[in-house]
Amino acid sequence: MHPSRTVSRRSLLASAAALAILATTADGRNISGNLPWSPFAGDPPKPVNPLGWYFFTPGEAATVEAIADRLIPADHLSPGGKDSGCAVYIDRQLAGSFGQASRLYTKGPFAKGLSTQGYQGDLTPAGRYRLGLRALADYTHATYKKDFVALTPAQQDVVLAGLDGGAIILKLKPGFSTKEFFELVLQGTMEGFFADPLYGGNKNMASWKMIGFPGARYDYRDHIDKHNVPYPRGPVSIYSAEG
């Protein structure tokens, strides 16, 4: 067979295969439902209700707010952790799939892992928070005869530094250390301070305004190369109307 005819036949077969694929995929209904496509048509995040507590008891919520305020104290740059909604963010996370570890394998056997592997026991994040907050309350009552929220800011800092540095050991479940409890709360507080406001924290996008982060704006390429120049337009949340 002449080489050119072979090439032509191969090209024809390739073209026929491509046409078959295009015929299958050209109709968008075969992929993602009826057209036209619209934003957030898949599985969009849902803004949380900022009112009330879904997981924390009032006493637990007050303790977490007090901790958040010491980890992120208010200053001239931004409100503190409490007013930024960090506890609300943590509460909603614990009330949802994260709190129940629904996307993680949590069955035994349990073995001590490396420090980089995180918690390896059977407690969910919600369970760790509840146990840790109860143990913290027991400690402050035994040491100061007060709840954590009733301590002075200086005393609260001493307690938090003790939890982080090992000077204070709470009565927790084996495999769940005091430092791991502190780091769990610290991580949640940081997430609540910097996450999109639709999750309950970063109220009024205070942290984004503080660091000059544009948020979920569609396009800000014209400012990427302007180093050390503040972004001239304020940030927007995922559900904000971009102007």
Protein backbone atom coordinates (compact mmCIF):
# COMPACT_ATOMS: atom_id res chain seq x y z
CA MET A 1 0.00 0.00 0.00
CA HIS A 2 1.31 3.44 -0.85
CA PRO A 3 2.62 5.29 2.27
CA SER A 4 0.53 8.36 1.57
CA ARG A 5 -2.61 6.28 1.51
CA THR A 6 -1.64 4.72 4.84
CA VAL A 7 -1.22 8.14 6.38
CA SER A 8 -4.49 9.32 4.91
CA ARG A 9 -6.32 6.29 6.27
CA ARG A 10 -4.80 6.80 9.73
CA SER A 11 -5.75 10.46 9.60
CA LEU A 12 -9.26 9.53 8.59
CA LEU A 13 -9.60 7.04 11.46
CA ALA A 14 -8.23 9.57 13.93
CA SER A 15 -10.64 12.20 12.66
CA ALA A 16 -13.56 9.79 12.93
CA ALA A 17 -12.61 8.96 16.52
CA ALA A 18 -12.31 12.64 17.38
CA LEU A 19 -15.72 13.35 15.88
CA ALA A 20 -17.23 10.57 17.96
CA ILE A 21 -15.75 12.04 21.14
CA LEU A 22 -16.91 15.53 20.25
CA ALA A 23 -20.38 14.26 19.47
CA THR A 24 -20.52 12.69 22.93
CA THR A 25 -19.20 15.73 24.81
CA ALA A 26 -20.67 18.59 22.78
CA ASP A 27 -23.99 18.18 24.50
CA GLY A 28 -23.32 19.67 27.93
CA ARG A 29 -26.25 17.79 29.41
CA ASN A 30 -24.20 14.59 29.19
CA ILE A 31 -21.67 16.10 31.61
CA SER A 32 -23.18 18.49 34.07
CA GLY A 33 -26.93 18.64 33.62
CA ASN A 34 -29.02 21.11 31.69
CA LEU A 35 -27.46 24.16 30.12
CA PRO A 36 -26.80 26.98 30.61
CA TRP A 37 -24.17 26.57 33.28
CA SER A 38 -24.39 29.01 36.18
CA PRO A 39 -21.93 29.90 38.96
CA PHE A 40 -22.16 27.80 42.15
CA ALA A 41 -24.25 25.20 40.32
CA GLY A 42 -22.09 22.38 41.65
CA ASP A 43 -21.61 22.15 45.40
CA PRO A 44 -21.10 25.70 46.66
CA PRO A 45 -20.15 26.49 50.25
CA LYS A 46 -23.09 27.71 52.26
CA PRO A 47 -22.81 30.82 54.46
CA VAL A 48 -23.25 29.96 58.12
CA ASN A 49 -25.77 31.57 60.43
CA PRO A 50 -23.62 33.80 62.66
CA LEU A 51 -26.11 33.75 65.53
CA GLY A 52 -26.05 31.31 68.43
CA TRP A 53 -23.97 28.23 69.10
CA TYR A 54 -24.39 24.93 67.30
CA PHE A 55 -21.79 22.87 69.18
CA PHE A 56 -20.40 24.77 72.16
CA THR A 57 -22.24 25.21 75.42
CA PRO A 58 -22.39 28.87 76.52
CA GLY A 59 -19.54 28.23 78.96
CA GLU A 60 -17.38 26.53 76.34
CA ALA A 61 -18.08 29.31 73.84
CA ALA A 62 -17.03 31.96 76.36
CA THR A 63 -13.78 30.08 77.04
CA VAL A 64 -12.95 29.73 73.35
CA GLU A 65 -13.71 33.41 72.77
CA ALA A 66 -11.41 34.34 75.65
CA ILE A 67 -8.65 32.12 74.28
CA ALA A 68 -9.06 33.59 70.79
CA ASP A 69 -8.78 37.10 72.24
CA ARG A 70 -5.45 36.25 73.89
CA LEU A 71 -4.08 34.49 70.80
CA ILE A 72 -5.19 37.43 68.63
CA PRO A 73 -5.50 40.47 70.89
CA ALA A 74 -7.19 43.57 69.52
CA ASP A 75 -4.96 46.43 68.45
CA HIS A 76 -4.96 49.36 66.07
CA LEU A 77 -4.63 46.99 63.10
CA SER A 78 -7.60 44.71 63.65
CA PRO A 79 -10.21 43.55 66.16
CA GLY A 80 -9.35 40.64 68.42
CA GLY A 81 -10.15 36.99 67.92
CA LYS A 82 -13.50 37.20 69.66
CA ASP A 83 -14.87 40.14 67.70
CA SER A 84 -13.50 38.64 64.49
CA GLY A 85 -15.77 35.63 64.97
CA CYS A 86 -13.07 32.99 65.47
CA ALA A 87 -15.16 31.07 68.02
CA VAL A 88 -18.16 31.11 65.67
CA TYR A 89 -15.99 29.65 62.92
CA ILE A 90 -14.69 26.89 65.23
CA ASP A 91 -18.20 26.15 66.50
CA ARG A 92 -19.58 25.67 63.00
CA GLN A 93 -16.65 23.48 62.00
CA LEU A 94 -17.13 21.26 65.03
CA ALA A 95 -20.86 21.02 64.36
CA GLY A 96 -20.18 19.85 60.81
CA SER A 97 -18.26 17.10 59.04
CA PHE A 98 -14.89 18.27 60.37
CA GLY A 99 -16.01 17.96 63.96
CA GLN A 100 -17.21 14.41 63.41
CA ALA A 101 -14.16 13.43 61.30
CA SER A 102 -16.64 12.05 58.80
CA ARG A 103 -14.09 12.11 55.98
CA LEU A 104 -11.32 10.37 57.92
CA TYR A 105 -10.69 6.75 58.80
CA THR A 106 -10.85 6.59 62.59
CA LYS A 107 -10.95 2.86 63.35
CA GLY A 108 -8.29 0.94 65.23
CA PRO A 109 -5.73 -0.34 65.82
CA PHE A 110 -4.22 2.89 67.09
CA ALA A 111 -0.45 3.32 67.25
CA LYS A 112 1.65 6.27 68.25
CA GLY A 113 2.49 8.23 65.13
CA LEU A 114 5.19 10.70 64.24
CA SER A 115 4.82 14.31 65.31
CA THR A 116 4.13 15.19 61.67
CA GLN A 117 1.20 12.78 61.46
CA GLY A 118 -1.04 14.51 63.95
CA TYR A 119 -3.50 12.91 66.32
CA GLN A 120 -3.80 9.13 65.89
CA GLY A 121 -6.55 8.20 68.37
CA ASP A 122 -10.26 7.58 68.18
CA LEU A 123 -11.42 10.98 69.39
CA THR A 124 -13.05 13.22 66.79
CA PRO A 125 -12.08 16.91 66.71
CA ALA A 126 -15.38 17.63 68.48
CA GLY A 127 -14.49 15.09 71.16
CA ARG A 128 -11.00 16.54 71.59
CA TYR A 129 -12.38 20.05 72.01
CA ARG A 130 -14.96 18.94 74.56
CA LEU A 131 -12.44 16.92 76.55
CA GLY A 132 -9.80 19.66 76.40
CA LEU A 133 -12.13 22.45 77.46
CA ARG A 134 -13.41 20.37 80.38
CA ALA A 135 -9.86 19.60 81.50
CA LEU A 136 -8.89 23.27 81.15
CA ALA A 137 -11.83 24.28 83.35
CA ASP A 138 -10.79 21.69 85.95
CA TYR A 139 -7.25 23.09 85.94
CA THR A 140 -8.18 26.76 86.33
CA HIS A 141 -10.68 25.95 89.09
CA ALA A 142 -8.07 23.90 90.95
CA THR A 143 -5.36 26.53 90.49
CA TYR A 144 -7.20 29.86 90.53
CA LYS A 145 -10.68 28.92 91.81
CA LYS A 146 -12.07 30.55 88.67
CA ASP A 147 -13.10 29.83 85.11
CA PHE A 148 -10.59 30.73 82.43
CA VAL A 149 -12.75 33.66 81.33
CA ALA A 150 -12.59 35.16 84.83
CA LEU A 151 -8.78 35.21 84.94
CA THR A 152 -6.87 38.39 84.25
CA PRO A 153 -5.32 38.69 80.78
CA ALA A 154 -1.89 38.12 82.36
CA GLN A 155 -3.10 34.93 84.06
CA GLN A 156 -4.70 33.73 80.85
CA ASP A 157 -1.41 34.23 79.03
CA VAL A 158 0.42 32.22 81.70
CA VAL A 159 -2.04 29.36 81.29
CA LEU A 160 -1.87 29.36 77.49
CA ALA A 161 1.93 29.52 77.54
CA GLY A 162 1.92 26.63 79.98
CA LEU A 163 -0.30 24.55 77.71
CA ASP A 164 1.97 25.25 74.75
CA GLY A 165 5.29 24.87 76.52
CA GLY A 166 4.61 21.88 78.74
CA ALA A 167 4.52 23.62 82.13
CA ILE A 168 0.84 22.67 82.45
CA ILE A 169 -0.38 19.13 81.82
CA LEU A 170 -4.14 18.72 81.57
CA LYS A 171 -5.87 15.47 82.45
CA LEU A 172 -6.67 14.19 78.99
CA LYS A 173 -7.09 10.85 77.30
CA PRO A 174 -3.89 8.84 76.56
CA GLY A 175 -2.68 9.67 73.07
CA PHE A 176 -4.06 13.21 73.22
CA SER A 177 -1.56 15.60 74.76
CA THR A 178 -2.02 19.03 76.29
CA LYS A 179 0.11 20.58 73.57
CA GLU A 180 -2.04 18.92 70.90
CA PHE A 181 -5.11 20.47 72.47
CA PHE A 182 -3.47 23.90 72.48
CA GLU A 183 -2.41 23.50 68.84
CA LEU A 184 -5.92 22.38 67.88
CA VAL A 185 -7.42 25.58 69.31
CA LEU A 186 -4.63 27.71 67.86
CA GLN A 187 -5.14 26.25 64.39
CA GLY A 188 -8.89 26.81 64.54
CA THR A 189 -8.39 30.38 65.73
CA MET A 190 -6.00 31.19 62.89
CA GLU A 191 -8.35 29.63 60.36
CA GLY A 192 -11.28 31.58 61.74
CA PHE A 193 -9.32 34.83 61.56
CA PHE A 194 -8.21 34.41 57.94
CA ALA A 195 -10.93 32.26 56.32
CA ASP A 196 -13.65 33.59 54.06
CA PRO A 197 -16.33 35.30 56.19
CA LEU A 198 -19.03 32.96 54.90
CA TYR A 199 -17.64 30.35 57.32
CA GLY A 200 -18.38 32.52 60.35
CA GLY A 201 -15.02 34.15 61.10
CA ASN A 202 -13.03 37.06 59.68
CA LYS A 203 -15.94 39.36 60.42
CA ASN A 204 -16.14 42.28 58.01
CA MET A 205 -13.03 40.82 56.33
CA ALA A 206 -10.95 42.56 59.00
CA SER A 207 -7.89 40.33 58.60
CA TRP A 208 -7.93 40.62 54.81
CA LYS A 209 -8.07 44.40 55.08
CA MET A 210 -5.21 44.31 57.56
CA ILE A 211 -2.86 42.39 55.24
CA GLY A 212 -4.16 43.88 51.98
CA PHE A 213 -5.50 40.58 50.64
CA PRO A 214 -8.00 41.09 47.76
CA GLY A 215 -10.06 38.06 48.72
CA ALA A 216 -12.11 36.26 46.10
CA ARG A 217 -11.82 38.86 43.38
CA TYR A 218 -12.01 37.43 39.89
CA ASP A 219 -9.00 39.23 38.46
CA TYR A 220 -6.30 41.45 39.89
CA ARG A 221 -3.44 40.68 37.51
CA ASP A 222 -2.79 44.33 36.82
CA HIS A 223 -1.61 44.71 40.43
CA ILE A 224 0.50 41.56 40.83
CA ASP A 225 3.76 43.25 39.78
CA LYS A 226 3.20 46.37 41.88
CA HIS A 227 5.34 45.32 44.79
CA ASN A 228 4.99 47.16 48.12
CA VAL A 229 2.03 49.08 46.72
CA PRO A 230 -1.21 48.61 48.70
CA TYR A 231 -4.04 47.05 46.75
CA PRO A 232 -6.37 50.00 46.01
CA ARG A 233 -9.65 48.10 46.16
CA GLY A 234 -11.04 46.38 49.22
CA PRO A 235 -11.38 42.60 49.51
CA VAL A 236 -14.48 40.66 48.57
CA SER A 237 -15.91 37.48 50.06
CA ILE A 238 -16.92 34.50 47.92
CA TYR A 239 -20.51 35.68 48.03
CA SER A 240 -19.76 39.39 47.70
CA ALA A 241 -20.69 41.19 44.52
CA GLU A 242 -17.41 42.20 42.94
CA GLY A 243 -17.26 45.78 41.89
